[in-house]
Amino acid sequence: MAAYQDIYMDKGTDFTEQLNLSDDYGNPYNLSLFTVASKARTSYTTSNVAITFTATVYDAANGVVLLKASSDVTANVVPNNSGKLVYDVVVTSPTGLKTRVLEGQIFVSPNVTY
């Protein structure tokens, strides 16, 4: 089962989030030779993708990944009525096994200046 973690995003700004992935026992995932993917939507049931993150393995030995989205992308984010999105993170092993390792909500803070 995927772990759960909420994250926060300021609309209209460059977004970077460092996530530390660990197994059910608290041990960091060894992501050597793994790839990672992540998307956000307004709900789990919609087919419309709000954000496709640039997702990279940052520190493979310690299970650290980075999610990024440019200010152009976050400026166009339209959260649901409660100001949130849902997201998940999927890692793919060198053998092609896909595992959903993290999920949560993204709280989107509206902007005034941009």
N, C-alpha and C. Protein backbone atom coordinates (compact mmCIF):
# COMPACT_ATOMS: atom_id res chain seq x y z
N MET A 1 0.84 -1.18 0.00
CA MET A 1 0.00 0.00 0.00
C MET A 1 0.89 1.24 0.00
N ALA A 2 0.48 2.24 -0.74
CA ALA A 2 1.25 3.48 -0.85
C ALA A 2 1.21 4.27 0.46
N ALA A 3 2.33 4.89 0.78
CA ALA A 3 2.39 5.80 1.93
C ALA A 3 1.61 7.07 1.58
N TYR A 4 1.32 7.88 2.60
CA TYR A 4 0.52 9.09 2.41
C TYR A 4 1.29 10.31 2.89
N GLN A 5 1.31 11.36 2.06
CA GLN A 5 1.96 12.62 2.46
C GLN A 5 1.31 13.77 1.71
N ASP A 6 0.85 14.78 2.44
CA ASP A 6 0.34 15.99 1.83
C ASP A 6 1.48 16.94 1.50
N ILE A 7 1.31 17.72 0.44
CA ILE A 7 2.29 18.73 0.07
C ILE A 7 1.58 20.04 -0.24
N TYR A 8 2.33 21.12 -0.29
CA TYR A 8 1.78 22.45 -0.49
C TYR A 8 2.44 23.11 -1.69
N MET A 9 1.64 23.85 -2.46
CA MET A 9 2.11 24.49 -3.68
C MET A 9 1.58 25.92 -3.75
N ASP A 10 2.45 26.85 -4.09
CA ASP A 10 2.03 28.23 -4.35
C ASP A 10 1.76 28.36 -5.84
N LYS A 11 0.55 28.74 -6.19
CA LYS A 11 0.16 28.89 -7.58
C LYS A 11 1.00 29.98 -8.25
N GLY A 12 1.45 29.73 -9.48
CA GLY A 12 2.18 30.72 -10.25
C GLY A 12 3.65 30.85 -9.92
N THR A 13 4.19 29.93 -9.12
CA THR A 13 5.62 29.96 -8.78
C THR A 13 6.25 28.62 -9.16
N ASP A 14 7.57 28.62 -9.27
CA ASP A 14 8.28 27.38 -9.53
C ASP A 14 8.13 26.46 -8.33
N PHE A 15 7.82 25.21 -8.59
CA PHE A 15 7.54 24.24 -7.53
C PHE A 15 8.60 23.14 -7.56
N THR A 16 9.19 22.87 -6.40
CA THR A 16 10.09 21.73 -6.22
C THR A 16 9.79 21.11 -4.87
N GLU A 17 9.59 19.82 -4.86
CA GLU A 17 9.32 19.10 -3.62
C GLU A 17 10.24 17.89 -3.54
N GLN A 18 10.98 17.77 -2.46
CA GLN A 18 11.83 16.61 -2.21
C GLN A 18 11.05 15.62 -1.37
N LEU A 19 10.94 14.40 -1.85
CA LEU A 19 10.19 13.36 -1.14
C LEU A 19 11.13 12.21 -0.78
N ASN A 20 11.03 11.77 0.46
CA ASN A 20 11.83 10.66 0.94
C ASN A 20 10.95 9.42 0.98
N LEU A 21 11.22 8.47 0.12
CA LEU A 21 10.40 7.27 0.00
C LEU A 21 10.97 6.15 0.85
N SER A 22 10.10 5.50 1.62
CA SER A 22 10.54 4.39 2.46
C SER A 22 9.51 3.27 2.42
N ASP A 23 9.94 2.07 2.78
CA ASP A 23 9.06 0.92 2.79
C ASP A 23 8.21 0.90 4.07
N ASP A 24 7.44 -0.15 4.23
CA ASP A 24 6.54 -0.27 5.39
C ASP A 24 7.27 -0.32 6.73
N TYR A 25 8.57 -0.59 6.71
CA TYR A 25 9.36 -0.70 7.93
C TYR A 25 10.19 0.56 8.20
N GLY A 26 10.02 1.59 7.35
CA GLY A 26 10.75 2.83 7.53
C GLY A 26 12.11 2.86 6.88
N ASN A 27 12.46 1.81 6.15
CA ASN A 27 13.74 1.77 5.45
C ASN A 27 13.63 2.51 4.12
N PRO A 28 14.61 3.33 3.77
CA PRO A 28 14.53 4.03 2.49
C PRO A 28 14.58 3.05 1.33
N TYR A 29 13.77 3.35 0.30
CA TYR A 29 13.82 2.56 -0.92
C TYR A 29 15.18 2.75 -1.58
N ASN A 30 15.76 1.68 -2.08
CA ASN A 30 16.95 1.80 -2.91
C ASN A 30 16.45 1.93 -4.35
N LEU A 31 16.57 3.11 -4.92
CA LEU A 31 16.02 3.41 -6.24
C LEU A 31 17.08 3.36 -7.35
N SER A 32 18.17 2.66 -7.10
CA SER A 32 19.21 2.52 -8.13
C SER A 32 18.60 1.90 -9.38
N LEU A 33 18.78 2.57 -10.52
CA LEU A 33 18.29 2.16 -11.84
C LEU A 33 16.77 2.23 -11.96
N PHE A 34 16.08 2.83 -11.01
CA PHE A 34 14.63 3.01 -11.08
C PHE A 34 14.31 4.31 -11.81
N THR A 35 13.11 4.39 -12.34
CA THR A 35 12.58 5.66 -12.84
C THR A 35 11.37 6.00 -11.98
N VAL A 36 10.96 7.26 -12.05
CA VAL A 36 9.85 7.72 -11.22
C VAL A 36 8.93 8.60 -12.07
N ALA A 37 7.63 8.53 -11.77
CA ALA A 37 6.64 9.34 -12.47
C ALA A 37 5.62 9.83 -11.46
N SER A 38 5.04 11.01 -11.72
CA SER A 38 4.06 11.57 -10.80
C SER A 38 3.13 12.52 -11.55
N LYS A 39 1.85 12.43 -11.22
CA LYS A 39 0.83 13.32 -11.79
C LYS A 39 -0.11 13.78 -10.69
N ALA A 40 -0.79 14.89 -10.96
CA ALA A 40 -1.82 15.40 -10.05
C ALA A 40 -3.11 15.61 -10.83
N ARG A 41 -4.22 15.39 -10.17
CA ARG A 41 -5.55 15.58 -10.75
C ARG A 41 -6.44 16.26 -9.70
N THR A 42 -7.60 16.73 -10.13
CA THR A 42 -8.51 17.35 -9.18
C THR A 42 -9.21 16.30 -8.31
N SER A 43 -9.30 15.07 -8.78
CA SER A 43 -9.85 13.97 -7.99
C SER A 43 -9.28 12.66 -8.53
N TYR A 44 -9.42 11.62 -7.76
CA TYR A 44 -8.93 10.31 -8.20
C TYR A 44 -9.74 9.77 -9.38
N THR A 45 -10.96 10.25 -9.56
CA THR A 45 -11.83 9.69 -10.59
C THR A 45 -11.82 10.45 -11.91
N THR A 46 -11.21 11.62 -11.96
CA THR A 46 -11.19 12.37 -13.21
C THR A 46 -10.08 11.87 -14.12
N SER A 47 -10.30 11.98 -15.42
CA SER A 47 -9.26 11.59 -16.38
C SER A 47 -8.37 12.77 -16.74
N ASN A 48 -8.76 13.98 -16.37
CA ASN A 48 -7.99 15.18 -16.72
C ASN A 48 -6.81 15.36 -15.76
N VAL A 49 -5.62 15.44 -16.33
CA VAL A 49 -4.41 15.63 -15.54
C VAL A 49 -4.20 17.13 -15.33
N ALA A 50 -4.06 17.55 -14.08
CA ALA A 50 -3.80 18.96 -13.76
C ALA A 50 -2.32 19.28 -13.90
N ILE A 51 -1.45 18.34 -13.49
CA ILE A 51 0.00 18.54 -13.56
C ILE A 51 0.66 17.19 -13.85
N THR A 52 1.57 17.20 -14.80
CA THR A 52 2.50 16.08 -14.97
C THR A 52 3.84 16.60 -14.48
N PHE A 53 4.27 16.12 -13.34
CA PHE A 53 5.51 16.61 -12.75
C PHE A 53 6.72 16.10 -13.52
N THR A 54 7.79 16.89 -13.51
CA THR A 54 9.10 16.38 -13.87
C THR A 54 9.59 15.67 -12.63
N ALA A 55 9.66 14.36 -12.70
CA ALA A 55 10.01 13.55 -11.53
C ALA A 55 11.34 12.86 -11.79
N THR A 56 12.26 13.00 -10.83
CA THR A 56 13.58 12.41 -10.98
C THR A 56 14.03 11.76 -9.68
N VAL A 57 14.86 10.74 -9.83
CA VAL A 57 15.51 10.14 -8.67
C VAL A 57 16.68 11.04 -8.31
N TYR A 58 16.67 11.59 -7.13
CA TYR A 58 17.69 12.55 -6.68
C TYR A 58 18.82 11.86 -5.91
N ASP A 59 18.46 10.96 -5.01
CA ASP A 59 19.43 10.21 -4.21
C ASP A 59 18.93 8.77 -4.15
N ALA A 60 19.39 7.95 -5.08
CA ALA A 60 18.87 6.59 -5.24
C ALA A 60 19.05 5.75 -3.98
N ALA A 61 20.21 5.79 -3.36
CA ALA A 61 20.49 4.94 -2.20
C ALA A 61 19.61 5.25 -1.01
N ASN A 62 19.15 6.50 -0.91
CA ASN A 62 18.32 6.92 0.23
C ASN A 62 16.86 7.14 -0.12
N GLY A 63 16.45 6.75 -1.32
CA GLY A 63 15.04 6.81 -1.70
C GLY A 63 14.49 8.21 -1.87
N VAL A 64 15.33 9.16 -2.32
CA VAL A 64 14.90 10.55 -2.45
C VAL A 64 14.57 10.85 -3.91
N VAL A 65 13.37 11.40 -4.12
CA VAL A 65 12.97 11.84 -5.46
C VAL A 65 12.60 13.31 -5.41
N LEU A 66 12.67 13.96 -6.57
CA LEU A 66 12.26 15.36 -6.70
C LEU A 66 11.09 15.45 -7.66
N LEU A 67 10.09 16.24 -7.27
CA LEU A 67 8.99 16.59 -8.16
C LEU A 67 9.14 18.07 -8.48
N LYS A 68 9.02 18.41 -9.77
CA LYS A 68 9.16 19.80 -10.18
C LYS A 68 8.06 20.17 -11.16
N ALA A 69 7.68 21.45 -11.11
CA ALA A 69 6.76 22.04 -12.08
C ALA A 69 7.13 23.52 -12.20
N SER A 70 7.16 24.02 -13.41
CA SER A 70 7.54 25.42 -13.63
C SER A 70 6.40 26.36 -13.24
N SER A 71 6.73 27.62 -13.10
CA SER A 71 5.72 28.63 -12.75
C SER A 71 4.64 28.71 -13.83
N ASP A 72 5.00 28.47 -15.09
CA ASP A 72 4.00 28.47 -16.16
C ASP A 72 2.98 27.36 -15.95
N VAL A 73 3.44 26.22 -15.47
CA VAL A 73 2.54 25.09 -15.20
C VAL A 73 1.68 25.38 -13.99
N THR A 74 2.28 25.81 -12.89
CA THR A 74 1.50 26.03 -11.66
C THR A 74 0.54 27.21 -11.79
N ALA A 75 0.84 28.17 -12.67
CA ALA A 75 -0.07 29.31 -12.88
C ALA A 75 -1.40 28.86 -13.47
N ASN A 76 -1.38 27.74 -14.20
CA ASN A 76 -2.59 27.26 -14.85
C ASN A 76 -3.31 26.16 -14.08
N VAL A 77 -2.86 25.87 -12.88
CA VAL A 77 -3.49 24.83 -12.07
C VAL A 77 -4.84 25.33 -11.58
N VAL A 78 -5.84 24.49 -11.78
CA VAL A 78 -7.18 24.79 -11.27
C VAL A 78 -7.54 23.67 -10.29
N PRO A 79 -7.41 23.94 -8.99
CA PRO A 79 -7.72 22.90 -7.99
C PRO A 79 -9.22 22.66 -7.91
N ASN A 80 -9.61 21.65 -7.15
CA ASN A 80 -11.04 21.39 -6.95
C ASN A 80 -11.64 22.49 -6.06
N ASN A 81 -12.91 22.38 -5.75
CA ASN A 81 -13.60 23.43 -5.00
C ASN A 81 -13.02 23.69 -3.62
N SER A 82 -12.31 22.72 -3.06
CA SER A 82 -11.71 22.92 -1.74
C SER A 82 -10.25 23.35 -1.84
N GLY A 83 -9.78 23.72 -3.05
CA GLY A 83 -8.42 24.23 -3.22
C GLY A 83 -7.35 23.17 -3.22
N LYS A 84 -7.72 21.93 -3.56
CA LYS A 84 -6.76 20.83 -3.49
C LYS A 84 -6.69 20.05 -4.80
N LEU A 85 -5.60 19.33 -4.92
CA LEU A 85 -5.42 18.31 -5.95
C LEU A 85 -5.05 17.01 -5.24
N VAL A 86 -5.12 15.90 -5.93
CA VAL A 86 -4.58 14.64 -5.44
C VAL A 86 -3.42 14.26 -6.35
N TYR A 87 -2.45 13.53 -5.78
CA TYR A 87 -1.29 13.12 -6.57
C TYR A 87 -0.85 11.74 -6.12
N ASP A 88 -0.02 11.13 -6.93
CA ASP A 88 0.68 9.93 -6.50
C ASP A 88 2.03 9.86 -7.18
N VAL A 89 2.86 8.95 -6.68
CA VAL A 89 4.21 8.73 -7.19
C VAL A 89 4.33 7.24 -7.48
N VAL A 90 4.77 6.92 -8.70
CA VAL A 90 4.97 5.54 -9.12
C VAL A 90 6.43 5.37 -9.51
N VAL A 91 7.07 4.32 -8.97
CA VAL A 91 8.44 3.99 -9.36
C VAL A 91 8.40 2.74 -10.24
N THR A 92 9.34 2.70 -11.19
CA THR A 92 9.46 1.55 -12.07
C THR A 92 10.85 0.95 -11.90
N SER A 93 10.88 -0.34 -11.58
CA SER A 93 12.15 -1.04 -11.34
C SER A 93 12.85 -1.31 -12.68
N PRO A 94 14.11 -1.69 -12.62
CA PRO A 94 14.83 -2.03 -13.85
C PRO A 94 14.18 -3.18 -14.63
N THR A 95 13.40 -4.03 -13.96
CA THR A 95 12.72 -5.14 -14.65
C THR A 95 11.34 -4.75 -15.17
N GLY A 96 10.92 -3.49 -14.92
CA GLY A 96 9.64 -3.01 -15.42
C GLY A 96 8.50 -3.08 -14.43
N LEU A 97 8.75 -3.54 -13.20
CA LEU A 97 7.71 -3.61 -12.18
C LEU A 97 7.36 -2.21 -11.70
N LYS A 98 6.09 -1.84 -11.80
CA LYS A 98 5.62 -0.53 -11.36
C LYS A 98 5.00 -0.65 -9.97
N THR A 99 5.39 0.27 -9.08
CA THR A 99 4.87 0.28 -7.71
C THR A 99 4.44 1.69 -7.35
N ARG A 100 3.21 1.82 -6.89
CA ARG A 100 2.70 3.11 -6.40
C ARG A 100 3.17 3.24 -4.96
N VAL A 101 4.09 4.17 -4.71
CA VAL A 101 4.74 4.24 -3.40
C VAL A 101 4.26 5.38 -2.52
N LEU A 102 3.61 6.39 -3.12
CA LEU A 102 3.20 7.55 -2.33
C LEU A 102 1.97 8.17 -2.95
N GLU A 103 1.09 8.69 -2.10
CA GLU A 103 -0.09 9.42 -2.54
C GLU A 103 -0.40 10.50 -1.52
N GLY A 104 -1.24 11.44 -1.91
CA GLY A 104 -1.65 12.48 -0.97
C GLY A 104 -2.39 13.59 -1.67
N GLN A 105 -2.57 14.66 -0.94
CA GLN A 105 -3.23 15.85 -1.46
C GLN A 105 -2.21 16.96 -1.63
N ILE A 106 -2.47 17.82 -2.60
CA ILE A 106 -1.68 19.03 -2.78
C ILE A 106 -2.59 20.19 -2.46
N PHE A 107 -2.21 20.97 -1.46
CA PHE A 107 -2.95 22.17 -1.09
C PHE A 107 -2.40 23.31 -1.92
N VAL A 108 -3.23 23.90 -2.76
CA VAL A 108 -2.80 24.95 -3.68
C VAL A 108 -3.15 26.32 -3.09
N SER A 109 -2.12 27.13 -2.86
CA SER A 109 -2.32 28.48 -2.34
C SER A 109 -2.42 29.45 -3.51
N PRO A 110 -3.52 30.19 -3.63
CA PRO A 110 -3.66 31.14 -4.73
C PRO A 110 -2.66 32.29 -4.60
N ASN A 111 -2.40 32.95 -5.71
CA ASN A 111 -1.45 34.06 -5.67
C ASN A 111 -2.16 35.40 -5.81
N VAL A 112 -1.45 36.43 -5.47
CA VAL A 112 -1.96 37.80 -5.61
C VAL A 112 -1.08 38.57 -6.58
N THR A 113 0.23 38.41 -6.48
CA THR A 113 1.19 39.21 -7.24
C THR A 113 1.32 38.76 -8.69
N TYR A 114 1.30 37.47 -8.96
CA TYR A 114 1.57 36.97 -10.32
C TYR A 114 0.31 36.89 -11.14
